[in-house]
């Protein structure tokens, strides 16, 4: 179950990259950062849910606890990936922490939290639990 759930999590990475490109090249130039950042965060949550909803059946039937543990794993992997990738890209730890400040309009914190509940929510929606 864990291996299959990791494959789904890895599929989130290109979605997040595409969302970031769309945000930087299209959404923010059209709407500005005030509306573009929140819209991008909501869009990414929606994309994560759709991906999870489609592929959650491949994980198999589990318990509520199983899907919550998968969500916790995804949450921790997302934070680790974002931190490592950000540091290797030359950002400071302080800069990375700013992305978690929702008062700036950046909903990254909510995206991370949503990533953590997405497996459970998709399983619940699919009546697997």
N, C-alpha and C. Protein backbone atom coordinates (compact mmCIF):
# COMPACT_ATOMS: atom_id res chain seq x y z
N UNK A 1 0.80 -1.20 0.00
CA UNK A 1 0.00 0.00 0.00
C UNK A 1 0.85 1.27 0.00
N UNK A 2 1.90 1.26 0.80
CA UNK A 2 2.76 2.45 0.90
C UNK A 2 3.45 2.72 -0.44
N UNK A 3 3.96 1.66 -1.09
CA UNK A 3 4.64 1.86 -2.38
C UNK A 3 3.70 2.49 -3.40
N UNK A 4 2.47 1.98 -3.46
CA UNK A 4 1.50 2.54 -4.40
C UNK A 4 1.16 3.98 -4.06
N UNK A 5 1.06 4.26 -2.77
CA UNK A 5 0.73 5.64 -2.37
C UNK A 5 1.87 6.59 -2.72
N UNK A 6 3.10 6.10 -2.66
CA UNK A 6 4.26 6.93 -3.03
C UNK A 6 4.22 7.29 -4.51
N UNK A 7 3.77 6.35 -5.34
CA UNK A 7 3.66 6.64 -6.78
C UNK A 7 2.67 7.78 -7.02
N UNK A 8 1.58 7.76 -6.28
CA UNK A 8 0.60 8.85 -6.41
C UNK A 8 1.23 10.17 -5.95
N UNK A 9 1.94 10.12 -4.82
CA UNK A 9 2.57 11.35 -4.33
C UNK A 9 3.58 11.89 -5.35
N UNK A 10 4.36 11.00 -5.95
CA UNK A 10 5.33 11.45 -6.96
C UNK A 10 4.64 12.11 -8.15
N UNK A 11 3.42 11.69 -8.45
CA UNK A 11 2.67 12.30 -9.55
C UNK A 11 2.22 13.72 -9.21
N UNK A 12 2.19 14.05 -7.93
CA UNK A 12 1.81 15.41 -7.52
C UNK A 12 2.90 16.41 -7.90
N UNK A 13 4.15 15.98 -7.90
CA UNK A 13 5.27 16.89 -8.16
C UNK A 13 5.13 17.60 -9.51
N UNK A 14 4.92 16.86 -10.62
CA UNK A 14 4.77 17.60 -11.89
C UNK A 14 3.53 18.50 -11.90
N UNK A 15 2.47 18.09 -11.22
CA UNK A 15 1.29 18.97 -11.13
C UNK A 15 1.63 20.27 -10.43
N UNK A 16 2.39 20.18 -9.35
CA UNK A 16 2.78 21.38 -8.61
C UNK A 16 3.69 22.27 -9.45
N UNK A 17 4.59 21.66 -10.20
CA UNK A 17 5.49 22.43 -11.07
C UNK A 17 4.69 23.13 -12.17
N UNK A 18 3.77 22.41 -12.79
CA UNK A 18 2.92 23.01 -13.83
C UNK A 18 2.06 24.13 -13.25
N UNK A 19 1.53 23.91 -12.06
CA UNK A 19 0.73 24.94 -11.40
C UNK A 19 1.57 26.19 -11.12
N UNK A 20 2.80 25.99 -10.67
CA UNK A 20 3.69 27.12 -10.42
C UNK A 20 4.00 27.90 -11.69
N UNK A 21 4.23 27.18 -12.78
CA UNK A 21 4.48 27.83 -14.06
C UNK A 21 3.26 28.62 -14.53
N UNK A 22 2.10 28.00 -14.42
CA UNK A 22 0.86 28.67 -14.80
C UNK A 22 0.63 29.92 -13.94
N UNK A 23 0.91 29.79 -12.65
CA UNK A 23 0.77 30.93 -11.73
C UNK A 23 1.68 32.08 -12.14
N UNK A 24 2.98 31.76 -12.35
CA UNK A 24 3.97 32.81 -12.63
C UNK A 24 3.84 33.42 -14.02
N UNK A 25 3.45 32.60 -15.00
CA UNK A 25 3.42 33.08 -16.39
C UNK A 25 2.06 33.59 -16.84
N UNK A 26 0.98 33.12 -16.21
CA UNK A 26 -0.36 33.48 -16.69
C UNK A 26 -1.21 34.14 -15.61
N UNK A 27 -1.40 33.44 -14.50
CA UNK A 27 -2.37 33.91 -13.50
C UNK A 27 -1.95 35.23 -12.87
N UNK A 28 -0.73 35.31 -12.35
CA UNK A 28 -0.29 36.55 -11.69
C UNK A 28 -0.18 37.71 -12.68
N UNK A 29 0.36 37.51 -13.90
CA UNK A 29 0.35 38.64 -14.84
C UNK A 29 -1.06 39.13 -15.18
N UNK A 30 -2.04 38.23 -15.18
CA UNK A 30 -3.41 38.63 -15.49
C UNK A 30 -4.14 39.24 -14.29
N UNK A 31 -3.93 38.67 -13.10
CA UNK A 31 -4.72 39.05 -11.94
C UNK A 31 -3.95 39.77 -10.85
N UNK A 32 -2.63 39.69 -10.90
CA UNK A 32 -1.80 40.22 -9.82
C UNK A 32 -1.62 39.18 -8.73
N UNK A 33 -0.63 39.40 -7.89
CA UNK A 33 -0.29 38.43 -6.83
C UNK A 33 -1.40 38.33 -5.78
N UNK A 34 -2.10 39.43 -5.53
CA UNK A 34 -3.13 39.43 -4.49
C UNK A 34 -4.19 38.36 -4.73
N UNK A 35 -4.57 38.17 -5.98
CA UNK A 35 -5.57 37.16 -6.32
C UNK A 35 -4.93 35.91 -6.92
N UNK A 36 -3.80 36.09 -7.57
CA UNK A 36 -3.15 34.97 -8.25
C UNK A 36 -2.59 33.92 -7.31
N UNK A 37 -1.98 34.35 -6.20
CA UNK A 37 -1.43 33.39 -5.24
C UNK A 37 -2.52 32.51 -4.62
N UNK A 38 -3.60 33.11 -4.09
CA UNK A 38 -4.65 32.25 -3.54
C UNK A 38 -5.30 31.34 -4.58
N UNK A 39 -5.54 31.88 -5.78
CA UNK A 39 -6.14 31.07 -6.83
C UNK A 39 -5.25 29.88 -7.17
N UNK A 40 -3.96 30.12 -7.25
CA UNK A 40 -3.01 29.05 -7.54
C UNK A 40 -3.03 27.98 -6.45
N UNK A 41 -3.10 28.39 -5.20
CA UNK A 41 -3.17 27.44 -4.09
C UNK A 41 -4.43 26.59 -4.14
N UNK A 42 -5.55 27.23 -4.42
CA UNK A 42 -6.82 26.50 -4.52
C UNK A 42 -6.78 25.55 -5.71
N UNK A 43 -6.24 26.01 -6.83
CA UNK A 43 -6.13 25.17 -8.02
C UNK A 43 -5.26 23.95 -7.74
N UNK A 44 -4.16 24.13 -7.05
CA UNK A 44 -3.29 22.99 -6.74
C UNK A 44 -3.99 22.00 -5.82
N UNK A 45 -4.73 22.49 -4.84
CA UNK A 45 -5.50 21.58 -3.98
C UNK A 45 -6.50 20.77 -4.80
N UNK A 46 -7.17 21.43 -5.72
CA UNK A 46 -8.13 20.75 -6.59
C UNK A 46 -7.43 19.69 -7.45
N UNK A 47 -6.29 20.04 -8.02
CA UNK A 47 -5.54 19.08 -8.84
C UNK A 47 -5.08 17.88 -8.02
N UNK A 48 -4.63 18.13 -6.80
CA UNK A 48 -4.19 17.05 -5.92
C UNK A 48 -5.38 16.13 -5.60
N UNK A 49 -6.53 16.72 -5.32
CA UNK A 49 -7.70 15.90 -5.02
C UNK A 49 -8.11 15.06 -6.23
N UNK A 50 -8.15 15.67 -7.40
CA UNK A 50 -8.54 14.94 -8.61
C UNK A 50 -7.60 13.77 -8.84
N UNK A 51 -6.30 14.01 -8.75
CA UNK A 51 -5.31 12.94 -8.93
C UNK A 51 -5.53 11.84 -7.91
N UNK A 52 -5.71 12.23 -6.68
CA UNK A 52 -5.91 11.26 -5.60
C UNK A 52 -7.22 10.50 -5.79
N UNK A 53 -8.26 11.18 -6.16
CA UNK A 53 -9.57 10.56 -6.39
C UNK A 53 -9.48 9.50 -7.49
N UNK A 54 -8.76 9.83 -8.54
CA UNK A 54 -8.63 8.90 -9.67
C UNK A 54 -7.83 7.67 -9.29
N UNK A 55 -6.73 7.86 -8.57
CA UNK A 55 -5.80 6.76 -8.33
C UNK A 55 -5.91 6.09 -6.96
N UNK A 56 -6.76 6.59 -6.07
CA UNK A 56 -6.84 6.01 -4.73
C UNK A 56 -7.29 4.56 -4.77
N UNK A 57 -8.06 4.19 -5.77
CA UNK A 57 -8.52 2.80 -5.90
C UNK A 57 -7.35 1.84 -6.09
N UNK A 58 -6.26 2.33 -6.68
CA UNK A 58 -5.08 1.47 -6.91
C UNK A 58 -4.34 1.16 -5.62
N UNK A 59 -4.51 1.99 -4.62
CA UNK A 59 -3.88 1.71 -3.32
C UNK A 59 -4.54 0.50 -2.69
N UNK A 60 -5.85 0.39 -2.88
CA UNK A 60 -6.59 -0.72 -2.30
C UNK A 60 -7.41 -0.26 -1.11
N UNK A 61 -8.25 -1.16 -0.66
CA UNK A 61 -9.13 -0.83 0.47
C UNK A 61 -8.33 -0.90 1.76
N UNK A 62 -8.43 0.15 2.53
CA UNK A 62 -7.72 0.22 3.80
C UNK A 62 -8.63 0.75 4.88
N UNK A 63 -8.06 1.01 6.01
CA UNK A 63 -8.82 1.58 7.13
C UNK A 63 -8.65 3.09 7.14
N UNK A 64 -9.45 3.74 7.94
CA UNK A 64 -9.30 5.19 8.12
C UNK A 64 -7.88 5.50 8.57
N UNK A 65 -7.37 4.71 9.50
CA UNK A 65 -6.01 4.92 10.00
C UNK A 65 -4.99 4.80 8.87
N UNK A 66 -5.17 3.84 7.99
CA UNK A 66 -4.25 3.65 6.87
C UNK A 66 -4.17 4.90 6.01
N UNK A 67 -5.32 5.44 5.64
CA UNK A 67 -5.34 6.62 4.77
C UNK A 67 -4.83 7.87 5.50
N UNK A 68 -5.05 7.93 6.79
CA UNK A 68 -4.49 9.05 7.56
C UNK A 68 -2.97 8.95 7.64
N UNK A 69 -2.46 7.74 7.80
CA UNK A 69 -1.00 7.56 7.83
C UNK A 69 -0.37 7.87 6.47
N UNK A 70 -1.05 7.48 5.40
CA UNK A 70 -0.58 7.83 4.06
C UNK A 70 -0.55 9.35 3.91
N UNK A 71 -1.59 10.01 4.39
CA UNK A 71 -1.64 11.47 4.34
C UNK A 71 -0.51 12.11 5.13
N UNK A 72 -0.23 11.57 6.30
CA UNK A 72 0.88 12.09 7.10
C UNK A 72 2.20 11.91 6.37
N UNK A 73 2.38 10.75 5.75
CA UNK A 73 3.58 10.50 4.96
C UNK A 73 3.70 11.52 3.83
N UNK A 74 2.60 11.75 3.11
CA UNK A 74 2.61 12.72 2.01
C UNK A 74 2.93 14.12 2.53
N UNK A 75 2.36 14.49 3.65
CA UNK A 75 2.61 15.81 4.23
C UNK A 75 4.10 15.97 4.55
N UNK A 76 4.68 14.98 5.21
CA UNK A 76 6.10 15.05 5.57
C UNK A 76 6.99 15.04 4.34
N UNK A 77 6.65 14.22 3.35
CA UNK A 77 7.43 14.19 2.11
C UNK A 77 7.36 15.52 1.38
N UNK A 78 6.19 16.12 1.37
CA UNK A 78 6.01 17.41 0.69
C UNK A 78 6.86 18.49 1.35
N UNK A 79 6.84 18.54 2.67
CA UNK A 79 7.65 19.54 3.38
C UNK A 79 9.13 19.28 3.14
N UNK A 80 9.55 18.02 3.22
CA UNK A 80 10.96 17.68 3.01
C UNK A 80 11.39 18.01 1.59
N UNK A 81 10.58 17.63 0.61
CA UNK A 81 10.92 17.90 -0.79
C UNK A 81 11.02 19.39 -1.04
N UNK A 82 10.04 20.13 -0.58
CA UNK A 82 10.01 21.59 -0.81
C UNK A 82 11.21 22.26 -0.14
N UNK A 83 11.55 21.82 1.04
CA UNK A 83 12.68 22.40 1.77
C UNK A 83 14.00 22.08 1.07
N UNK A 84 14.22 20.83 0.76
CA UNK A 84 15.47 20.42 0.11
C UNK A 84 15.61 21.07 -1.26
N UNK A 85 14.54 21.01 -2.06
CA UNK A 85 14.56 21.61 -3.40
C UNK A 85 14.80 23.12 -3.31
N UNK A 86 14.13 23.76 -2.37
CA UNK A 86 14.29 25.21 -2.20
C UNK A 86 15.70 25.60 -1.79
N UNK A 87 16.28 24.85 -0.86
CA UNK A 87 17.65 25.14 -0.41
C UNK A 87 18.65 24.91 -1.54
N UNK A 88 18.48 23.83 -2.29
CA UNK A 88 19.37 23.56 -3.42
C UNK A 88 19.20 24.58 -4.54
N UNK A 89 18.03 25.21 -4.59
CA UNK A 89 17.78 26.24 -5.61
C UNK A 89 18.33 27.60 -5.19
N UNK A 90 18.95 27.65 -4.01
CA UNK A 90 19.58 28.89 -3.57
C UNK A 90 18.75 29.76 -2.65
N UNK A 91 17.57 29.29 -2.27
CA UNK A 91 16.74 30.06 -1.34
C UNK A 91 17.23 29.84 0.09
N UNK A 92 17.06 30.85 0.90
CA UNK A 92 17.41 30.70 2.32
C UNK A 92 16.24 30.04 3.04
N UNK A 93 16.54 29.51 4.21
CA UNK A 93 15.49 28.89 5.02
C UNK A 93 14.43 29.92 5.38
N UNK A 94 14.86 31.14 5.63
CA UNK A 94 13.93 32.23 5.95
C UNK A 94 12.98 32.50 4.79
N UNK A 95 13.51 32.48 3.58
CA UNK A 95 12.67 32.68 2.39
C UNK A 95 11.66 31.55 2.25
N UNK A 96 12.10 30.34 2.51
CA UNK A 96 11.20 29.19 2.40
C UNK A 96 10.06 29.28 3.42
N UNK A 97 10.37 29.74 4.61
CA UNK A 97 9.35 29.88 5.65
C UNK A 97 8.28 30.91 5.28
N UNK A 98 8.66 31.91 4.50
CA UNK A 98 7.70 32.94 4.09
C UNK A 98 6.54 32.36 3.29
N UNK A 99 6.79 31.27 2.57
CA UNK A 99 5.74 30.64 1.78
C UNK A 99 4.62 30.08 2.66
N UNK A 100 4.91 29.86 3.94
CA UNK A 100 3.92 29.32 4.87
C UNK A 100 3.10 30.40 5.55
N UNK A 101 3.35 31.66 5.22
CA UNK A 101 2.62 32.78 5.82
C UNK A 101 1.40 33.11 4.97
N UNK A 102 0.23 32.66 5.40
CA UNK A 102 -0.98 32.85 4.60
C UNK A 102 -1.43 34.31 4.54
N UNK A 103 -0.90 35.15 5.41
CA UNK A 103 -1.29 36.57 5.38
C UNK A 103 -0.75 37.27 4.13
N UNK A 104 0.20 36.63 3.44
CA UNK A 104 0.74 37.20 2.20
C UNK A 104 -0.11 36.82 0.99
N UNK A 105 -1.12 35.97 1.21
CA UNK A 105 -1.94 35.50 0.10
C UNK A 105 -1.47 34.16 -0.43
N UNK A 106 -0.30 33.74 -0.01
CA UNK A 106 0.23 32.45 -0.44
C UNK A 106 -0.43 31.37 0.40
N UNK A 107 -1.12 30.45 -0.24
CA UNK A 107 -1.84 29.40 0.47
C UNK A 107 -1.05 28.10 0.55
N UNK A 108 0.28 28.18 0.44
CA UNK A 108 1.11 26.98 0.46
C UNK A 108 0.86 26.14 1.72
N UNK A 109 0.72 26.78 2.86
CA UNK A 109 0.45 26.04 4.10
C UNK A 109 -0.82 25.21 3.96
N UNK A 110 -1.86 25.79 3.38
CA UNK A 110 -3.11 25.06 3.19
C UNK A 110 -2.95 23.94 2.18
N UNK A 111 -2.12 24.16 1.15
CA UNK A 111 -1.85 23.10 0.17
C UNK A 111 -1.16 21.93 0.85
N UNK A 112 -0.19 22.22 1.70
CA UNK A 112 0.52 21.15 2.42
C UNK A 112 -0.45 20.39 3.32
N UNK A 113 -1.27 21.12 4.06
CA UNK A 113 -2.25 20.47 4.93
C UNK A 113 -3.26 19.66 4.13
N UNK A 114 -3.70 20.21 3.00
CA UNK A 114 -4.64 19.49 2.14
C UNK A 114 -4.00 18.21 1.60
N UNK A 115 -2.73 18.29 1.24
CA UNK A 115 -2.02 17.10 0.77
C UNK A 115 -2.07 16.01 1.84
N UNK A 116 -2.02 16.43 3.09
CA UNK A 116 -2.08 15.48 4.19
C UNK A 116 -3.44 14.82 4.38
N UNK A 117 -4.51 15.49 4.00
CA UNK A 117 -5.84 14.88 4.16
C UNK A 117 -6.39 14.31 2.85
N UNK A 118 -5.74 14.58 1.74
CA UNK A 118 -6.24 14.15 0.44
C UNK A 118 -6.47 12.64 0.33
N UNK A 119 -5.54 11.79 0.79
CA UNK A 119 -5.80 10.34 0.68
C UNK A 119 -7.05 9.91 1.45
N UNK A 120 -7.20 10.42 2.67
CA UNK A 120 -8.37 10.08 3.47
C UNK A 120 -9.64 10.61 2.81
N UNK A 121 -9.60 11.86 2.33
CA UNK A 121 -10.77 12.47 1.70
C UNK A 121 -11.18 11.73 0.43
N UNK A 122 -10.20 11.36 -0.38
CA UNK A 122 -10.50 10.62 -1.61
C UNK A 122 -11.05 9.24 -1.28
N UNK A 123 -10.47 8.56 -0.29
CA UNK A 123 -10.96 7.24 0.11
C UNK A 123 -12.38 7.34 0.65
N UNK A 124 -12.64 8.37 1.43
CA UNK A 124 -13.98 8.59 1.98
C UNK A 124 -14.97 8.88 0.85
N UNK A 125 -14.57 9.72 -0.09
CA UNK A 125 -15.44 10.07 -1.22
C UNK A 125 -15.72 8.84 -2.09
N UNK A 126 -14.71 7.98 -2.23
CA UNK A 126 -14.85 6.76 -3.03
C UNK A 126 -15.50 5.62 -2.24
N UNK A 127 -15.87 5.89 -0.99
CA UNK A 127 -16.49 4.91 -0.10
C UNK A 127 -15.59 3.69 0.14
N UNK A 128 -14.30 3.94 0.21
CA UNK A 128 -13.35 2.88 0.57
C UNK A 128 -13.27 2.72 2.08
N UNK A 129 -13.67 3.77 2.79
CA UNK A 129 -13.70 3.72 4.26
C UNK A 129 -15.05 4.24 4.74
